[in-house]
Amino acid sequence: MSSNLNIDDIDELIHGRLRLGIMAYLSTASPASFPELIGKTGTSHGNLSTHLTKLEKARYVRQEKGFKGKRPQTLVHLTDTGRDAWVIYLDEMRKLLEP
C-alpha cells in the first residue's frame, strides 16, 4: 500500500488554473512581458493583473514597470521564492500521481 496522500501540502495559490499557467510559463520564460502573459494564458488584462497581484503578495513574482521607448512596459519575473514554491508544488503533484 502506498503512503498517505496529503493534499493539504499542495500550494493553493499556485494550484488555481490561471496562476498555475503563469507560474509554469515563468518557470521557463522569466521575465515575461504583460502582453506576452496575456497571449500565453488567454485571459483579460484585468484578470491577469488580479492574479499577478496575488502572486506578488506571496513574493512568487515581481513586477518591473518601465518603458520600452515611449510606451509603458511591465515585465514579470519569477522570484527565487516563487521558483522554490514551484519546485515544491511540482514535487507534491508528483507524489499524488505516483502509483
PDB file of N, CA and C in Angstrom:
ATOM      1  N   MET A   1       0.845  -1.184   0.000  1.00  0.00           N
ATOM      2  CA  MET A   1       0.000   0.000   0.000  1.00  0.00           C
ATOM      3  C   MET A   1       0.886   1.241   0.000  1.00  0.00           C
ATOM      4  N   SER A   2       0.507   2.266  -0.731  1.00  0.00           N
ATOM      5  CA  SER A   2       1.306   3.486  -0.830  1.00  0.00           C
ATOM      6  C   SER A   2       1.133   4.335   0.423  1.00  0.00           C
ATOM      7  N   SER A   3       2.028   5.308   0.587  1.00  0.00           N
ATOM      8  CA  SER A   3       1.955   6.203   1.736  1.00  0.00           C
ATOM      9  C   SER A   3       0.728   7.094   1.615  1.00  0.00           C
ATOM     10  N   ASN A   4       0.343   7.672   2.746  1.00  0.00           N
ATOM     11  CA  ASN A   4      -0.828   8.554   2.762  1.00  0.00           C
ATOM     12  C   ASN A   4      -0.588   9.782   1.898  1.00  0.00           C
ATOM     13  N   LEU A   5      -1.626  10.185   1.184  1.00  0.00           N
ATOM     14  CA  LEU A   5      -1.559  11.400   0.378  1.00  0.00           C
ATOM     15  C   LEU A   5      -2.035  12.559   1.239  1.00  0.00           C
ATOM     16  N   ASN A   6      -1.312  13.643   1.203  1.00  0.00           N
ATOM     17  CA  ASN A   6      -1.705  14.818   1.966  1.00  0.00           C
ATOM     18  C   ASN A   6      -1.921  15.975   1.003  1.00  0.00           C
ATOM     19  N   ILE A   7      -3.159  16.148   0.583  1.00  0.00           N
ATOM     20  CA  ILE A   7      -3.440  17.217  -0.373  1.00  0.00           C
ATOM     21  C   ILE A   7      -3.314  18.599   0.259  1.00  0.00           C
ATOM     22  N   ASP A   8      -3.231  18.652   1.592  1.00  0.00           N
ATOM     23  CA  ASP A   8      -3.027  19.938   2.252  1.00  0.00           C
ATOM     24  C   ASP A   8      -1.659  20.528   1.937  1.00  0.00           C
ATOM     25  N   ASP A   9      -0.739  19.701   1.446  1.00  0.00           N
ATOM     26  CA  ASP A   9       0.600  20.175   1.103  1.00  0.00           C
ATOM     27  C   ASP A   9       0.652  20.868  -0.259  1.00  0.00           C
ATOM     28  N   ILE A  10      -0.446  20.825  -1.003  1.00  0.00           N
ATOM     29  CA  ILE A  10      -0.479  21.468  -2.319  1.00  0.00           C
ATOM     30  C   ILE A  10      -0.739  22.958  -2.134  1.00  0.00           C
ATOM     31  N   ASP A  11       0.118  23.772  -2.713  1.00  0.00           N
ATOM     32  CA  ASP A  11       0.022  25.227  -2.607  1.00  0.00           C
ATOM     33  C   ASP A  11      -1.193  25.703  -3.406  1.00  0.00           C
ATOM     34  N   GLU A  12      -2.248  26.088  -2.685  1.00  0.00           N
ATOM     35  CA  GLU A  12      -3.480  26.513  -3.356  1.00  0.00           C
ATOM     36  C   GLU A  12      -3.301  27.790  -4.158  1.00  0.00           C
ATOM     37  N   LEU A  13      -2.362  28.609  -3.757  1.00  0.00           N
ATOM     38  CA  LEU A  13      -2.120  29.846  -4.513  1.00  0.00           C
ATOM     39  C   LEU A  13      -1.645  29.514  -5.923  1.00  0.00           C
ATOM     40  N   ILE A  14      -0.772  28.536  -6.040  1.00  0.00           N
ATOM     41  CA  ILE A  14      -0.284  28.123  -7.365  1.00  0.00           C
ATOM     42  C   ILE A  14      -1.327  27.283  -8.082  1.00  0.00           C
ATOM     43  N   HIS A  15      -2.079  26.486  -7.354  1.00  0.00           N
ATOM     44  CA  HIS A  15      -2.957  25.490  -7.961  1.00  0.00           C
ATOM     45  C   HIS A  15      -4.123  26.079  -8.753  1.00  0.00           C
ATOM     46  N   GLY A  16      -4.473  27.320  -8.514  1.00  0.00           N
ATOM     47  CA  GLY A  16      -5.526  27.953  -9.318  1.00  0.00           C
ATOM     48  C   GLY A  16      -5.130  27.939 -10.790  1.00  0.00           C
ATOM     49  N   ARG A  17      -6.065  27.659 -11.664  1.00  0.00           N
ATOM     50  CA  ARG A  17      -5.777  27.415 -13.084  1.00  0.00           C
ATOM     51  C   ARG A  17      -4.940  28.510 -13.740  1.00  0.00           C
ATOM     52  N   LEU A  18      -5.321  29.756 -13.588  1.00  0.00           N
ATOM     53  CA  LEU A  18      -4.580  30.840 -14.238  1.00  0.00           C
ATOM     54  C   LEU A  18      -3.211  31.035 -13.587  1.00  0.00           C
ATOM     55  N   ARG A  19      -3.170  30.994 -12.256  1.00  0.00           N
ATOM     56  CA  ARG A  19      -1.885  31.167 -11.572  1.00  0.00           C
ATOM     57  C   ARG A  19      -0.949  30.002 -11.889  1.00  0.00           C
ATOM     58  N   LEU A  20      -1.500  28.816 -12.052  1.00  0.00           N
ATOM     59  CA  LEU A  20      -0.697  27.660 -12.450  1.00  0.00           C
ATOM     60  C   LEU A  20      -0.069  27.912 -13.823  1.00  0.00           C
ATOM     61  N   GLY A  21      -0.846  28.438 -14.746  1.00  0.00           N
ATOM     62  CA  GLY A  21      -0.334  28.760 -16.077  1.00  0.00           C
ATOM     63  C   GLY A  21       0.740  29.835 -16.040  1.00  0.00           C
ATOM     64  N   ILE A  22       0.524  30.840 -15.210  1.00  0.00           N
ATOM     65  CA  ILE A  22       1.515  31.919 -15.075  1.00  0.00           C
ATOM     66  C   ILE A  22       2.822  31.350 -14.538  1.00  0.00           C
ATOM     67  N   MET A  23       2.732  30.580 -13.464  1.00  0.00           N
ATOM     68  CA  MET A  23       3.929  30.025 -12.839  1.00  0.00           C
ATOM     69  C   MET A  23       4.647  29.070 -13.794  1.00  0.00           C
ATOM     70  N   ALA A  24       3.890  28.251 -14.493  1.00  0.00           N
ATOM     71  CA  ALA A  24       4.502  27.296 -15.436  1.00  0.00           C
ATOM     72  C   ALA A  24       5.246  28.061 -16.533  1.00  0.00           C
ATOM     73  N   TYR A  25       4.620  29.085 -17.081  1.00  0.00           N
ATOM     74  CA  TYR A  25       5.267  29.840 -18.152  1.00  0.00           C
ATOM     75  C   TYR A  25       6.502  30.565 -17.638  1.00  0.00           C
ATOM     76  N   LEU A  26       6.374  31.223 -16.494  1.00  0.00           N
ATOM     77  CA  LEU A  26       7.505  31.968 -15.956  1.00  0.00           C
ATOM     78  C   LEU A  26       8.659  31.056 -15.536  1.00  0.00           C
ATOM     79  N   SER A  27       8.366  29.802 -15.243  1.00  0.00           N
ATOM     80  CA  SER A  27       9.443  28.889 -14.835  1.00  0.00           C
ATOM     81  C   SER A  27      10.426  28.639 -15.976  1.00  0.00           C
ATOM     82  N   THR A  28       9.987  28.919 -17.202  1.00  0.00           N
ATOM     83  CA  THR A  28      10.877  28.728 -18.355  1.00  0.00           C
ATOM     84  C   THR A  28      11.122  30.017 -19.141  1.00  0.00           C
ATOM     85  N   ALA A  29      10.345  31.067 -18.862  1.00  0.00           N
ATOM     86  CA  ALA A  29      10.452  32.288 -19.680  1.00  0.00           C
ATOM     87  C   ALA A  29      10.432  33.547 -18.816  1.00  0.00           C
ATOM     88  N   SER A  30      11.203  33.553 -17.759  1.00  0.00           N
ATOM     89  CA  SER A  30      11.213  34.730 -16.890  1.00  0.00           C
ATOM     90  C   SER A  30      12.385  35.627 -17.251  1.00  0.00           C
ATOM     91  N   PRO A  31      12.177  36.921 -17.439  1.00  0.00           N
ATOM     92  CA  PRO A  31      10.913  37.642 -17.305  1.00  0.00           C
ATOM     93  C   PRO A  31      10.063  37.526 -18.568  1.00  0.00           C
ATOM     94  N   ALA A  32       8.775  37.787 -18.365  1.00  0.00           N
ATOM     95  CA  ALA A  32       7.835  37.831 -19.486  1.00  0.00           C
ATOM     96  C   ALA A  32       7.098  39.159 -19.421  1.00  0.00           C
ATOM     97  N   SER A  33       6.800  39.709 -20.575  1.00  0.00           N
ATOM     98  CA  SER A  33       6.053  40.965 -20.601  1.00  0.00           C
ATOM     99  C   SER A  33       4.576  40.687 -20.317  1.00  0.00           C
ATOM    100  N   PHE A  34       3.889  41.713 -19.860  1.00  0.00           N
ATOM    101  CA  PHE A  34       2.466  41.608 -19.563  1.00  0.00           C
ATOM    102  C   PHE A  34       1.675  41.136 -20.794  1.00  0.00           C
ATOM    103  N   PRO A  35       1.889  41.752 -21.972  1.00  0.00           N
ATOM    104  CA  PRO A  35       1.157  41.284 -23.156  1.00  0.00           C
ATOM    105  C   PRO A  35       1.491  39.830 -23.527  1.00  0.00           C
ATOM    106  N   GLU A  36       2.725  39.439 -23.310  1.00  0.00           N
ATOM    107  CA  GLU A  36       3.131  38.055 -23.585  1.00  0.00           C
ATOM    108  C   GLU A  36       2.342  37.100 -22.681  1.00  0.00           C
ATOM    109  N   LEU A  37       2.193  37.448 -21.403  1.00  0.00           N
ATOM    110  CA  LEU A  37       1.427  36.599 -20.483  1.00  0.00           C
ATOM    111  C   LEU A  37      -0.056  36.573 -20.846  1.00  0.00           C
ATOM    112  N   ILE A  38      -0.587  37.703 -21.292  1.00  0.00           N
ATOM    113  CA  ILE A  38      -1.987  37.714 -21.745  1.00  0.00           C
ATOM    114  C   ILE A  38      -2.150  36.739 -22.910  1.00  0.00           C
ATOM    115  N   GLY A  39      -1.227  36.794 -23.859  1.00  0.00           N
ATOM    116  CA  GLY A  39      -1.293  35.895 -25.012  1.00  0.00           C
ATOM    117  C   GLY A  39      -1.142  34.433 -24.638  1.00  0.00           C
ATOM    118  N   LYS A  40      -0.241  34.128 -23.738  1.00  0.00           N
ATOM    119  CA  LYS A  40       0.016  32.734 -23.352  1.00  0.00           C
ATOM    120  C   LYS A  40      -1.104  32.153 -22.499  1.00  0.00           C
ATOM    121  N   THR A  41      -1.726  32.995 -21.662  1.00  0.00           N
ATOM    122  CA  THR A  41      -2.770  32.488 -20.776  1.00  0.00           C
ATOM    123  C   THR A  41      -4.172  32.636 -21.353  1.00  0.00           C
ATOM    124  N   GLY A  42      -4.320  33.507 -22.348  1.00  0.00           N
ATOM    125  CA  GLY A  42      -5.635  33.707 -22.952  1.00  0.00           C
ATOM    126  C   GLY A  42      -6.626  34.404 -22.038  1.00  0.00           C
ATOM    127  N   THR A  43      -6.132  35.178 -21.099  1.00  0.00           N
ATOM    128  CA  THR A  43      -7.018  35.860 -20.165  1.00  0.00           C
ATOM    129  C   THR A  43      -7.072  37.350 -20.472  1.00  0.00           C
ATOM    130  N   SER A  44      -7.875  38.066 -19.710  1.00  0.00           N
ATOM    131  CA  SER A  44      -8.003  39.509 -19.910  1.00  0.00           C
ATOM    132  C   SER A  44      -6.940  40.258 -19.111  1.00  0.00           C
ATOM    133  N   HIS A  45      -6.757  41.510 -19.468  1.00  0.00           N
ATOM    134  CA  HIS A  45      -5.821  42.393 -18.788  1.00  0.00           C
ATOM    135  C   HIS A  45      -6.129  42.455 -17.286  1.00  0.00           C
ATOM    136  N   GLY A  46      -7.390  42.708 -16.948  1.00  0.00           N
ATOM    137  CA  GLY A  46      -7.801  42.841 -15.549  1.00  0.00           C
ATOM    138  C   GLY A  46      -7.631  41.553 -14.757  1.00  0.00           C
ATOM    139  N   ASN A  47      -8.001  40.435 -15.372  1.00  0.00           N
ATOM    140  CA  ASN A  47      -7.889  39.147 -14.694  1.00  0.00           C
ATOM    141  C   ASN A  47      -6.422  38.797 -14.439  1.00  0.00           C
ATOM    142  N   LEU A  48      -5.569  39.023 -15.439  1.00  0.00           N
ATOM    143  CA  LEU A  48      -4.146  38.753 -15.261  1.00  0.00           C
ATOM    144  C   LEU A  48      -3.578  39.638 -14.165  1.00  0.00           C
ATOM    145  N   SER A  49      -3.945  40.891 -14.164  1.00  0.00           N
ATOM    146  CA  SER A  49      -3.457  41.826 -13.159  1.00  0.00           C
ATOM    147  C   SER A  49      -3.835  41.366 -11.748  1.00  0.00           C
ATOM    148  N   THR A  50      -5.075  40.926 -11.574  1.00  0.00           N
ATOM    149  CA  THR A  50      -5.553  40.437 -10.272  1.00  0.00           C
ATOM    150  C   THR A  50      -4.729  39.249  -9.794  1.00  0.00           C
ATOM    151  N   HIS A  51      -4.480  38.294 -10.674  1.00  0.00           N
ATOM    152  CA  HIS A  51      -3.749  37.085 -10.284  1.00  0.00           C
ATOM    153  C   HIS A  51      -2.264  37.364 -10.075  1.00  0.00           C
ATOM    154  N   LEU A  52      -1.703  38.275 -10.851  1.00  0.00           N
ATOM    155  CA  LEU A  52      -0.303  38.654 -10.620  1.00  0.00           C
ATOM    156  C   LEU A  52      -0.143  39.340  -9.272  1.00  0.00           C
ATOM    157  N   THR A  53      -1.126  40.136  -8.877  1.00  0.00           N
ATOM    158  CA  THR A  53      -1.076  40.791  -7.571  1.00  0.00           C
ATOM    159  C   THR A  53      -1.066  39.754  -6.455  1.00  0.00           C
ATOM    160  N   LYS A  54      -1.869  38.718  -6.583  1.00  0.00           N
ATOM    161  CA  LYS A  54      -1.887  37.643  -5.579  1.00  0.00           C
ATOM    162  C   LYS A  54      -0.527  36.957  -5.505  1.00  0.00           C
ATOM    163  N   LEU A  55       0.046  36.660  -6.661  1.00  0.00           N
ATOM    164  CA  LEU A  55       1.365  36.015  -6.684  1.00  0.00           C
ATOM    165  C   LEU A  55       2.444  36.949  -6.155  1.00  0.00           C
ATOM    166  N   GLU A  56       2.295  38.239  -6.424  1.00  0.00           N
ATOM    167  CA  GLU A  56       3.272  39.221  -5.957  1.00  0.00           C
ATOM    168  C   GLU A  56       3.206  39.366  -4.431  1.00  0.00           C
ATOM    169  N   LYS A  57       2.004  39.353  -3.865  1.00  0.00           N
ATOM    170  CA  LYS A  57       1.857  39.441  -2.406  1.00  0.00           C
ATOM    171  C   LYS A  57       2.535  38.265  -1.713  1.00  0.00           C
ATOM    172  N   ALA A  58       2.542  37.110  -2.358  1.00  0.00           N
ATOM    173  CA  ALA A  58       3.210  35.925  -1.809  1.00  0.00           C
ATOM    174  C   ALA A  58       4.707  35.930  -2.112  1.00  0.00           C
ATOM    175  N   ARG A  59       5.151  36.955  -2.849  1.00  0.00           N
ATOM    176  CA  ARG A  59       6.547  37.108  -3.265  1.00  0.00           C
ATOM    177  C   ARG A  59       6.998  36.020  -4.241  1.00  0.00           C
ATOM    178  N   TYR A  60       6.040  35.478  -4.994  1.00  0.00           N
ATOM    179  CA  TYR A  60       6.356  34.472  -6.011  1.00  0.00           C
ATOM    180  C   TYR A  60       6.788  35.136  -7.310  1.00  0.00           C
ATOM    181  N   VAL A  61       6.263  36.328  -7.566  1.00  0.00           N
ATOM    182  CA  VAL A  61       6.652  37.080  -8.758  1.00  0.00           C
ATOM    183  C   VAL A  61       6.973  38.511  -8.352  1.00  0.00           C
ATOM    184  N   ARG A  62       7.683  39.173  -9.238  1.00  0.00           N
ATOM    185  CA  ARG A  62       8.000  40.597  -9.068  1.00  0.00           C
ATOM    186  C   ARG A  62       7.678  41.282 -10.385  1.00  0.00           C
ATOM    187  N   GLN A  63       6.939  42.387 -10.298  1.00  0.00           N
ATOM    188  CA  GLN A  63       6.603  43.151 -11.500  1.00  0.00           C
ATOM    189  C   GLN A  63       7.532  44.356 -11.588  1.00  0.00           C
ATOM    190  N   GLU A  64       8.100  44.516 -12.755  1.00  0.00           N
ATOM    191  CA  GLU A  64       9.015  45.628 -13.020  1.00  0.00           C
ATOM    192  C   GLU A  64       8.353  46.536 -14.046  1.00  0.00           C
ATOM    193  N   LYS A  65       8.053  47.740 -13.619  1.00  0.00           N
ATOM    194  CA  LYS A  65       7.388  48.690 -14.512  1.00  0.00           C
ATOM    195  C   LYS A  65       8.425  49.645 -15.079  1.00  0.00           C
ATOM    196  N   GLY A  66       8.339  49.861 -16.361  1.00  0.00           N
ATOM    197  CA  GLY A  66       9.282  50.744 -17.019  1.00  0.00           C
ATOM    198  C   GLY A  66       8.734  51.163 -18.368  1.00  0.00           C
ATOM    199  N   PHE A  67       9.635  51.505 -19.248  1.00  0.00           N
ATOM    200  CA  PHE A  67       9.231  51.944 -20.587  1.00  0.00           C
ATOM    201  C   PHE A  67      10.062  51.221 -21.634  1.00  0.00           C
ATOM    202  N   LYS A  68       9.424  50.940 -22.756  1.00  0.00           N
ATOM    203  CA  LYS A  68      10.103  50.440 -23.947  1.00  0.00           C
ATOM    204  C   LYS A  68       9.884  51.539 -24.972  1.00  0.00           C
ATOM    205  N   GLY A  69      10.926  52.322 -25.191  1.00  0.00           N
ATOM    206  CA  GLY A  69      10.746  53.534 -25.985  1.00  0.00           C
ATOM    207  C   GLY A  69       9.901  54.494 -25.170  1.00  0.00           C
ATOM    208  N   LYS A  70       8.792  54.937 -25.753  1.00  0.00           N
ATOM    209  CA  LYS A  70       7.895  55.845 -25.036  1.00  0.00           C
ATOM    210  C   LYS A  70       6.673  55.124 -24.478  1.00  0.00           C
ATOM    211  N   ARG A  71       6.621  53.818 -24.676  1.00  0.00           N
ATOM    212  CA  ARG A  71       5.455  53.051 -24.228  1.00  0.00           C
ATOM    213  C   ARG A  71       5.730  52.378 -22.889  1.00  0.00           C
ATOM    214  N   PRO A  72       4.748  52.403 -21.975  1.00  0.00           N
ATOM    215  CA  PRO A  72       4.927  51.708 -20.705  1.00  0.00           C
ATOM    216  C   PRO A  72       5.059  50.201 -20.932  1.00  0.00           C
ATOM    217  N   GLN A  73       5.884  49.565 -20.111  1.00  0.00           N
ATOM    218  CA  GLN A  73       6.079  48.122 -20.223  1.00  0.00           C
ATOM    219  C   GLN A  73       6.184  47.533 -18.819  1.00  0.00           C
ATOM    220  N   THR A  74       5.494  46.420 -18.608  1.00  0.00           N
ATOM    221  CA  THR A  74       5.593  45.682 -17.359  1.00  0.00           C
ATOM    222  C   THR A  74       6.220  44.334 -17.661  1.00  0.00           C
ATOM    223  N   LEU A  75       7.306  44.038 -16.959  1.00  0.00           N
ATOM    224  CA  LEU A  75       7.942  42.729 -17.051  1.00  0.00           C
ATOM    225  C   LEU A  75       7.656  41.982 -15.749  1.00  0.00           C
ATOM    226  N   VAL A  76       7.345  40.712 -15.865  1.00  0.00           N
ATOM    227  CA  VAL A  76       7.047  39.890 -14.702  1.00  0.00           C
ATOM    228  C   VAL A  76       8.166  38.872 -14.542  1.00  0.00           C
ATOM    229  N   HIS A  77       8.757  38.878 -13.366  1.00  0.00           N
ATOM    230  CA  HIS A  77       9.874  37.992 -13.046  1.00  0.00           C
ATOM    231  C   HIS A  77       9.421  36.948 -12.030  1.00  0.00           C
ATOM    232  N   LEU A  78       9.845  35.708 -12.201  1.00  0.00           N
ATOM    233  CA  LEU A  78       9.669  34.685 -11.179  1.00  0.00           C
ATOM    234  C   LEU A  78      10.786  34.892 -10.156  1.00  0.00           C
ATOM    235  N   THR A  79      10.438  35.045  -8.892  1.00  0.00           N
ATOM    236  CA  THR A  79      11.446  35.277  -7.859  1.00  0.00           C
ATOM    237  C   THR A  79      12.046  33.942  -7.403  1.00  0.00           C
ATOM    238  N   ASP A  80      13.114  34.013  -6.623  1.00  0.00           N
ATOM    239  CA  ASP A  80      13.689  32.790  -6.046  1.00  0.00           C
ATOM    240  C   ASP A  80      12.660  32.084  -5.162  1.00  0.00           C
ATOM    241  N   THR A  81      11.893  32.864  -4.400  1.00  0.00           N
ATOM    242  CA  THR A  81      10.834  32.294  -3.562  1.00  0.00           C
ATOM    243  C   THR A  81       9.794  31.596  -4.432  1.00  0.00           C
ATOM    244  N   GLY A  82       9.439  32.232  -5.544  1.00  0.00           N
ATOM    245  CA  GLY A  82       8.478  31.643  -6.468  1.00  0.00           C
ATOM    246  C   GLY A  82       9.000  30.375  -7.108  1.00  0.00           C
ATOM    247  N   ARG A  83      10.272  30.381  -7.484  1.00  0.00           N
ATOM    248  CA  ARG A  83      10.863  29.183  -8.088  1.00  0.00           C
ATOM    249  C   ARG A  83      10.881  28.030  -7.084  1.00  0.00           C
ATOM    250  N   ASP A  84      11.244  28.335  -5.835  1.00  0.00           N
ATOM    251  CA  ASP A  84      11.238  27.300  -4.791  1.00  0.00           C
ATOM    252  C   ASP A  84       9.828  26.753  -4.578  1.00  0.00           C
ATOM    253  N   ALA A  85       8.833  27.648  -4.518  1.00  0.00           N
ATOM    254  CA  ALA A  85       7.440  27.225  -4.341  1.00  0.00           C
ATOM    255  C   ALA A  85       6.979  26.372  -5.522  1.00  0.00           C
ATOM    256  N   TRP A  86       7.411  26.735  -6.733  1.00  0.00           N
ATOM    257  CA  TRP A  86       7.056  25.992  -7.939  1.00  0.00           C
ATOM    258  C   TRP A  86       7.621  24.570  -7.882  1.00  0.00           C
ATOM    259  N   VAL A  87       8.879  24.442  -7.490  1.00  0.00           N
ATOM    260  CA  VAL A  87       9.517  23.120  -7.401  1.00  0.00           C
ATOM    261  C   VAL A  87       8.806  22.266  -6.347  1.00  0.00           C
ATOM    262  N   ILE A  88       8.481  22.857  -5.211  1.00  0.00           N
ATOM    263  CA  ILE A  88       7.758  22.125  -4.164  1.00  0.00           C
ATOM    264  C   ILE A  88       6.387  21.705  -4.671  1.00  0.00           C
ATOM    265  N   TYR A  89       5.698  22.607  -5.368  1.00  0.00           N
ATOM    266  CA  TYR A  89       4.381  22.291  -5.938  1.00  0.00           C
ATOM    267  C   TYR A  89       4.479  21.091  -6.877  1.00  0.00           C
ATOM    268  N   LEU A  90       5.467  21.123  -7.771  1.00  0.00           N
ATOM    269  CA  LEU A  90       5.633  20.004  -8.708  1.00  0.00           C
ATOM    270  C   LEU A  90       5.937  18.703  -7.980  1.00  0.00           C
ATOM    271  N   ASP A  91       6.756  18.767  -6.948  1.00  0.00           N
ATOM    272  CA  ASP A  91       7.063  17.567  -6.159  1.00  0.00           C
ATOM    273  C   ASP A  91       5.807  17.002  -5.499  1.00  0.00           C
ATOM    274  N   GLU A  92       4.975  17.886  -4.954  1.00  0.00           N
ATOM    275  CA  GLU A  92       3.733  17.437  -4.316  1.00  0.00           C
ATOM    276  C   GLU A  92       2.778  16.823  -5.343  1.00  0.00           C
ATOM    277  N   MET A  93       2.715  17.399  -6.524  1.00  0.00           N
ATOM    278  CA  MET A  93       1.856  16.833  -7.566  1.00  0.00           C
ATOM    279  C   MET A  93       2.374  15.462  -8.009  1.00  0.00           C
ATOM    280  N   ARG A  94       3.701  15.327  -8.102  1.00  0.00           N
ATOM    281  CA  ARG A  94       4.279  14.020  -8.461  1.00  0.00           C
ATOM    282  C   ARG A  94       3.897  12.959  -7.433  1.00  0.00           C
ATOM    283  N   LYS A  95       3.935  13.331  -6.157  1.00  0.00           N
ATOM    284  CA  LYS A  95       3.561  12.384  -5.097  1.00  0.00           C
ATOM    285  C   LYS A  95       2.122  11.912  -5.274  1.00  0.00           C
ATOM    286  N   LEU A  96       1.234  12.819  -5.660  1.00  0.00           N
ATOM    287  CA  LEU A  96      -0.162  12.453  -5.882  1.00  0.00           C
ATOM    288  C   LEU A  96      -0.330  11.515  -7.068  1.00  0.00           C
ATOM    289  N   LEU A  97       0.532  11.694  -8.066  1.00  0.00           N
ATOM    290  CA  LEU A  97       0.384  10.922  -9.303  1.00  0.00           C
ATOM    291  C   LEU A  97       1.122   9.581  -9.284  1.00  0.00           C
ATOM    292  N   GLU A  98       2.009   9.392  -8.332  1.00  0.00           N
ATOM    293  CA  GLU A  98       2.761   8.136  -8.276  1.00  0.00           C
ATOM    294  C   GLU A  98       1.820   6.995  -7.919  1.00  0.00           C
ATOM    295  N   PRO A  99       2.031   5.833  -8.566  1.00  0.00           N
ATOM    296  CA  PRO A  99       1.167   4.679  -8.232  1.00  0.00           C
ATOM    297  C   PRO A  99       1.442   4.160  -6.828  1.00  0.00           C
TER     298      PRO A  99
END
